Structures are given as structure tokens and as C-alpha cells.
Amino acid sequence: MGEALQTALSDRYDALSGGLRDRLISFVLDAFDSLGEYRDADAALFLERVLPVVLATQQQMGTLTDAYLSAMIADMLGGAAAPVGVALSEELRGVPPEEVYRRPFVQTWTALSAGHDFVDAVGQGRTRLLSITETDLQLARTHAARQSMERAGAKFYRRRLSSGKNCALCTIASTQRYRVAELMPIHPGCHCKPEPLPGDRDPGQVIAEQLLKEAHDAIARDTGASDRGGRSPDYRDVIITRQHGEYGPLLAVRRDRFTGPDDIPGR
């Protein structure tokens, strides 16, 4: 079928995965908003209500991703789609989910102790919850994608941008090829999806030269820095992949700095 079928598969996957994400976010935020005082008892009630739905939705994202990628690879190679499911750990971050989804409450309590009013403190906790929920679904997607593509024998993949607005990090990263053995680098709020590249031959690091040039040109218009090769500033020195202790590969700007154990007072 080729490009027409692959486009249809991609669009359908976007619609289904986007709906899955929107429903979970709405459920989780509504549950958080409905709490009373955000004390320990409220946190326990929230975790009891929300965690089973969160974990089930992550598994659904994995199953959906496996079905999508199996169909894509089958069309590329001329075979039959054979999704057999993926095994996703409940601890995608390597941390118990109970600990992760208690963090919005810790954020709220920390803000209150710093003198923020109640509404602002709860708002900070809510923002933290949104970021956690979105990131965990993206982790479910990337972990499932690696399992599915490895099983199907794919060697390389690209990151396909979402149909909505995309940040500069994702846009530039989408011009590069990645190896299936490596998890797709993400960042909080990222909605990109892995898409297998046909064949076993390495297509080279840059697979979308025109898009990369357009990204360089757009930055050049803002910064005034450019050259005829479209490589100044060199984004390989700006946009990098860091290894995050929980997320795994994290798309980042080189100047960004993350808090580590040495930054904790008293250590």
C-alpha cells in the first residue's frame, strides 16, 4: 500500500493515542481538583482512586503503539502485521508509581511552606501532576516502541512530529535518525512518536535536510547568526541528549543544568 496506508495508520494512531492521553489527563486533574485540603489523607485517597487508571492507560498506550508499529513495519516490508503485545513495567521511571504521583502533593506542601497562598500552591501541584501524567504516557509509548520495533527486526527510526505545534527541540531532533536499540529521547510535554525507517541500511544521521535548514533559518532570523551552510550556530553543540535518572534519554539544551544529589542540603 505504501505511503497512503502509512499516512492513514499514522493519523489513526495520533487520533487514538491523543484521545487516550486527553481522557487520562482530564480524569487525573478532575480527581486532584475535587480534593479538599490536600493533606496526607487526601493524597492517600487520590492515589487509591487514580493509580489503577493511570497504570491501565499506560498499558493501553503500549498496546496501541505496538499495533501501530507492527502495521507500519508490515507495510514497509510487505508482510502481515503481527502485534503480540508488549510488557511494560509499572515502574517506567524505575520508581514506584505511588511515590511519583505523591509528588504533586509534596509540591503543594513545599509551596505553602515557602509562603505561597493556598490557591497558588495547589496550582503548582496541579501543574506538576499534569507534567508527570503526560511524561509517563510518553514513556509508555517509547518503551513499547522499542520492544515492538526490535521484535519486528527494524534497525532505525525517526521521531515524527505531532500534528499540533512542536517545539524547536523536537523539530530539530526530528531531522535525525535513531537506532532502535536506543529509547527515543523525550522531554516533558513531548508528543512525538517513533516511526520506523525502512531497510537495514543506515540512512545517515540527517534524514530531513530541508527541515533542518528551515529550522536553522528560523533561528537565524531571531538571533542574526547564520552562514551559507545553515550550520551556524551548530545545533549539535546546543541541543543534546542527557541521561535522566528516571526518564532515560532526555532531549535538552546544553546550557540546562539539572539538580543532583550534591545539590541537596546536608549531603
Protein backbone atom coordinates (compact mmCIF):
# COMPACT_ATOMS: atom_id res chain seq x y z
CA MET A 1 0.00 0.00 0.00
CA GLY A 2 2.93 2.31 0.75
CA GLU A 3 2.68 5.96 1.68
CA ALA A 4 -1.12 6.26 1.61
CA LEU A 5 -1.64 3.42 4.07
CA GLN A 6 1.21 4.55 6.30
CA THR A 7 -0.25 8.05 6.46
CA ALA A 8 -3.66 6.61 7.34
CA LEU A 9 -2.11 4.41 10.05
CA SER A 10 -0.20 7.38 11.47
CA ASP A 11 -3.28 9.61 11.51
CA ARG A 12 -5.37 6.91 13.17
CA TYR A 13 -2.72 6.28 15.79
CA ASP A 14 -2.48 10.00 16.52
CA ALA A 15 -6.24 10.21 16.99
CA LEU A 16 -6.44 7.17 19.26
CA SER A 17 -3.35 7.95 21.34
CA GLY A 18 -4.32 11.61 21.62
CA GLY A 19 -7.78 10.69 22.82
CA LEU A 20 -6.31 8.26 25.33
CA ARG A 21 -3.99 10.97 26.65
CA ASP A 22 -6.73 13.61 26.85
CA ARG A 23 -9.11 11.32 28.75
CA LEU A 24 -6.48 10.34 31.29
CA ILE A 25 -5.35 13.91 31.87
CA SER A 26 -8.94 15.05 32.34
CA PHE A 27 -9.61 12.24 34.82
CA VAL A 28 -6.44 12.79 36.82
CA LEU A 29 -6.81 16.57 37.04
CA ASP A 30 -10.50 16.32 37.95
CA ALA A 31 -9.60 13.91 40.75
CA PHE A 32 -6.95 16.33 42.03
CA ASP A 33 -9.26 19.34 41.78
CA SER A 34 -12.00 17.58 43.72
CA LEU A 35 -9.89 17.14 46.86
CA GLY A 36 -10.50 19.18 49.97
CA GLU A 37 -7.42 20.14 51.96
CA TYR A 38 -4.62 18.27 50.15
CA ARG A 39 -3.35 16.71 53.36
CA ASP A 40 -1.94 13.19 53.77
CA ALA A 41 -5.40 11.63 53.85
CA ASP A 42 -6.32 13.40 50.60
CA ALA A 43 -3.12 12.17 48.99
CA ALA A 44 -3.87 8.59 50.02
CA LEU A 45 -7.41 8.86 48.66
CA PHE A 46 -6.12 10.32 45.40
CA LEU A 47 -3.57 7.55 44.90
CA GLU A 48 -6.16 4.85 45.62
CA ARG A 49 -8.54 6.30 43.04
CA VAL A 50 -6.13 7.38 40.33
CA LEU A 51 -3.24 4.91 40.17
CA PRO A 52 -5.18 1.92 38.79
CA VAL A 53 -6.49 4.08 35.94
CA VAL A 54 -3.06 5.60 35.26
CA LEU A 55 -1.35 2.21 35.07
CA ALA A 56 -4.10 0.71 32.92
CA THR A 57 -3.90 3.64 30.50
CA GLN A 58 -0.13 3.27 30.22
CA GLN A 59 -0.66 -0.37 29.24
CA GLN A 60 -3.27 0.71 26.70
CA MET A 61 -0.78 3.17 25.23
CA GLY A 62 1.73 0.34 24.94
CA THR A 63 -0.76 -1.97 23.22
CA LEU A 64 -1.87 0.76 20.83
CA THR A 65 1.73 1.64 19.97
CA ASP A 66 2.60 -1.99 19.32
CA ALA A 67 -0.37 -2.40 16.98
CA TYR A 68 0.51 0.79 15.10
CA LEU A 69 4.19 -0.03 14.65
CA SER A 70 3.51 -3.65 13.71
CA ALA A 71 1.20 -2.47 10.94
CA MET A 72 3.69 0.16 9.75
CA ILE A 73 6.59 -2.29 9.59
CA ALA A 74 4.47 -4.95 7.91
CA ASP A 75 3.51 -2.49 5.18
CA MET A 76 7.12 -1.39 4.73
CA LEU A 77 8.41 -4.97 4.47
CA GLY A 78 5.45 -6.48 2.68
CA GLY A 79 4.45 -8.88 5.45
CA ALA A 80 1.46 -9.29 7.74
CA ALA A 81 1.01 -7.24 10.91
CA ALA A 82 1.53 -9.42 13.98
CA PRO A 83 1.30 -7.41 17.21
CA VAL A 84 1.77 -9.73 20.17
CA GLY A 85 1.71 -7.14 22.92
CA VAL A 86 4.42 -5.52 24.99
CA ALA A 87 5.42 -5.91 28.62
CA LEU A 88 5.59 -2.56 30.38
CA SER A 89 6.79 -2.26 33.94
CA GLU A 90 4.61 -0.30 36.35
CA GLU A 91 7.83 1.47 37.27
CA LEU A 92 8.69 3.05 33.93
CA ARG A 93 10.87 5.56 35.77
CA GLY A 94 12.45 2.94 37.99
CA VAL A 95 10.48 4.49 40.88
CA PRO A 96 7.26 3.15 42.45
CA PRO A 97 4.27 4.98 40.93
CA GLU A 98 2.92 5.67 44.41
CA GLU A 99 5.97 7.83 45.03
CA VAL A 100 5.75 9.58 41.67
CA TYR A 101 2.08 10.52 41.95
CA ARG A 102 2.52 11.77 45.50
CA ARG A 103 4.93 14.43 44.24
CA PRO A 104 2.18 16.94 43.31
CA PHE A 105 1.19 16.97 46.97
CA VAL A 106 4.80 17.47 48.05
CA GLN A 107 4.97 20.35 45.54
CA THR A 108 1.85 21.86 47.12
CA TRP A 109 3.15 21.48 50.66
CA THR A 110 6.54 22.91 49.72
CA ALA A 111 4.90 25.95 48.13
CA LEU A 112 2.76 26.52 51.23
CA SER A 113 5.81 26.29 53.48
CA ALA A 114 7.52 28.89 51.28
CA GLY A 115 4.69 31.37 51.89
CA HIS A 116 2.58 30.90 48.76
CA ASP A 117 -1.15 31.21 49.23
CA PHE A 118 -3.32 28.11 49.10
CA VAL A 119 -4.66 28.62 45.57
CA ASP A 120 -1.20 29.21 44.12
CA ALA A 121 0.28 26.24 45.99
CA VAL A 122 -2.43 23.89 44.74
CA GLY A 123 -1.92 25.28 41.24
CA GLN A 124 1.76 24.38 41.42
CA GLY A 125 0.86 20.86 42.48
CA ARG A 126 -1.65 20.59 39.64
CA THR A 127 0.96 21.69 37.10
CA ARG A 128 3.37 19.08 38.46
CA LEU A 129 0.67 16.42 38.14
CA LEU A 130 -0.01 17.35 34.52
CA SER A 131 3.68 17.08 33.65
CA ILE A 132 4.02 13.72 35.42
CA THR A 133 0.98 12.23 33.70
CA GLU A 134 1.99 13.37 30.22
CA THR A 135 5.57 12.23 30.67
CA ASP A 136 4.57 8.79 31.92
CA LEU A 137 2.35 8.23 28.89
CA GLN A 138 5.20 9.27 26.63
CA LEU A 139 7.50 6.83 28.46
CA ALA A 140 4.92 4.08 27.91
CA ARG A 141 4.97 4.96 24.21
CA THR A 142 8.77 4.91 23.87
CA HIS A 143 9.28 1.74 25.89
CA ALA A 144 6.60 -0.06 23.89
CA ALA A 145 8.02 1.24 20.62
CA ARG A 146 11.48 -0.13 21.32
CA GLN A 147 10.08 -3.57 22.16
CA SER A 148 7.81 -3.62 19.11
CA MET A 149 10.45 -2.45 16.62
CA GLU A 150 13.14 -4.78 17.98
CA ARG A 151 10.77 -7.74 17.72
CA ALA A 152 9.92 -6.84 14.12
CA GLY A 153 13.58 -6.51 13.15
CA ALA A 154 13.61 -2.76 12.45
CA LYS A 155 17.06 -1.18 12.78
CA PHE A 156 16.43 2.57 12.58
CA TYR A 157 13.65 5.02 13.32
CA ARG A 158 12.84 8.71 13.25
CA ARG A 159 10.78 10.85 15.60
CA ARG A 160 7.61 12.00 13.87
CA LEU A 161 6.32 15.38 14.98
CA SER A 162 2.78 15.72 16.32
CA SER A 163 0.12 17.31 14.15
CA GLY A 164 -0.10 20.30 16.50
CA LYS A 165 2.54 22.82 17.48
CA ASN A 166 6.05 21.48 18.02
CA CYS A 167 8.92 23.00 19.96
CA ALA A 168 12.33 23.71 18.44
CA LEU A 169 13.88 20.80 20.33
CA CYS A 170 11.52 18.29 18.73
CA THR A 171 11.64 19.92 15.30
CA ILE A 172 15.42 19.73 15.03
CA ALA A 173 15.55 16.27 16.61
CA SER A 174 13.02 15.02 14.05
CA THR A 175 15.56 15.59 11.28
CA GLN A 176 17.85 12.91 12.72
CA ARG A 177 17.77 9.12 12.52
CA TYR A 178 17.94 6.98 15.66
CA ARG A 179 18.83 3.36 16.31
CA VAL A 180 16.05 1.08 17.55
CA ALA A 181 18.20 -0.17 20.40
CA GLU A 182 18.06 3.35 21.87
CA LEU A 183 14.97 4.79 23.54
CA MET A 184 13.65 7.90 21.83
CA PRO A 185 14.81 10.99 23.78
CA ILE A 186 11.84 12.87 25.22
CA HIS A 187 11.18 15.98 27.26
CA PRO A 188 8.22 16.96 29.46
CA GLY A 189 5.25 17.79 27.25
CA CYS A 190 6.68 15.92 24.25
CA HIS A 191 4.09 14.30 21.95
CA CYS A 192 6.39 12.99 19.21
CA LYS A 193 6.10 9.36 18.16
CA PRO A 194 8.73 6.89 16.93
CA GLU A 195 8.32 5.87 13.29
CA PRO A 196 10.40 3.03 11.79
CA LEU A 197 12.63 3.69 8.81
CA PRO A 198 12.54 1.06 6.05
CA GLY A 199 15.51 -1.16 5.32
CA ASP A 200 18.63 -2.22 7.20
CA ARG A 201 21.00 0.31 5.65
CA ASP A 202 21.91 3.29 7.82
CA PRO A 203 20.42 6.36 6.07
CA GLY A 204 22.90 8.66 7.81
CA GLN A 205 22.48 10.99 10.74
CA VAL A 206 20.46 13.71 8.96
CA ILE A 207 17.37 12.39 7.19
CA ALA A 208 15.45 15.65 6.66
CA GLU A 209 17.99 18.16 5.41
CA GLN A 210 15.42 20.71 4.22
CA LEU A 211 13.57 20.78 7.56
CA LEU A 212 16.87 21.15 9.38
CA LYS A 213 17.79 24.08 7.13
CA GLU A 214 14.41 25.70 7.73
CA ALA A 215 14.90 25.35 11.49
CA HIS A 216 18.35 26.92 11.22
CA ASP A 217 16.94 29.74 9.09
CA ALA A 218 14.18 30.41 11.62
CA ILE A 219 16.69 30.63 14.47
CA ALA A 220 18.96 32.80 12.35
CA ARG A 221 16.12 35.28 11.82
CA ASP A 222 15.78 35.58 15.59
CA THR A 223 19.46 35.57 16.52
CA GLY A 224 21.07 37.14 13.44
CA ALA A 225 23.53 34.24 13.26
CA SER A 226 23.73 32.25 10.03
CA ASP A 227 26.05 31.03 7.32
CA ARG A 228 25.62 29.67 3.81
CA GLY A 229 25.75 26.11 5.05
CA GLY A 230 22.97 26.71 7.52
CA ARG A 231 25.09 25.24 10.30
CA SER A 232 25.78 28.28 12.43
CA PRO A 233 25.06 28.11 15.24
CA ASP A 234 25.80 24.39 15.22
CA TYR A 235 22.81 22.80 16.99
CA ARG A 236 24.78 19.67 17.75
CA ASP A 237 26.55 21.90 20.29
CA VAL A 238 23.24 23.28 21.60
CA ILE A 239 20.61 20.53 21.54
CA ILE A 240 21.87 17.37 23.19
CA THR A 241 20.61 14.18 24.84
CA ARG A 242 21.20 13.87 28.55
CA GLN A 243 20.64 10.72 30.58
CA HIS A 244 17.93 11.47 33.13
CA GLY A 245 17.82 9.27 36.21
CA GLU A 246 14.13 8.47 35.71
CA TYR A 247 13.15 9.33 32.14
CA GLY A 248 16.18 7.83 30.42
CA PRO A 249 17.30 9.81 27.33
CA LEU A 250 16.17 13.41 27.76
CA LEU A 251 16.19 15.98 24.99
CA ALA A 252 17.78 19.11 26.42
CA VAL A 253 19.61 22.35 25.75
CA ARG A 254 23.29 22.14 26.63
CA ARG A 255 23.13 25.12 28.98
CA ASP A 256 20.39 23.44 31.07
CA ARG A 257 21.51 22.17 34.43
CA PHE A 258 19.69 19.55 36.50
CA THR A 259 19.70 19.18 40.27
CA GLY A 260 21.66 16.21 41.51
CA PRO A 261 22.40 14.58 44.89
CA ASP A 262 25.20 17.07 45.62
CA ASP A 263 22.66 19.92 45.49
CA ILE A 264 20.63 18.55 48.42
CA PRO A 265 21.40 20.47 51.65
CA GLY A 266 23.19 18.45 54.31
CA ARG A 267 24.71 15.87 51.98
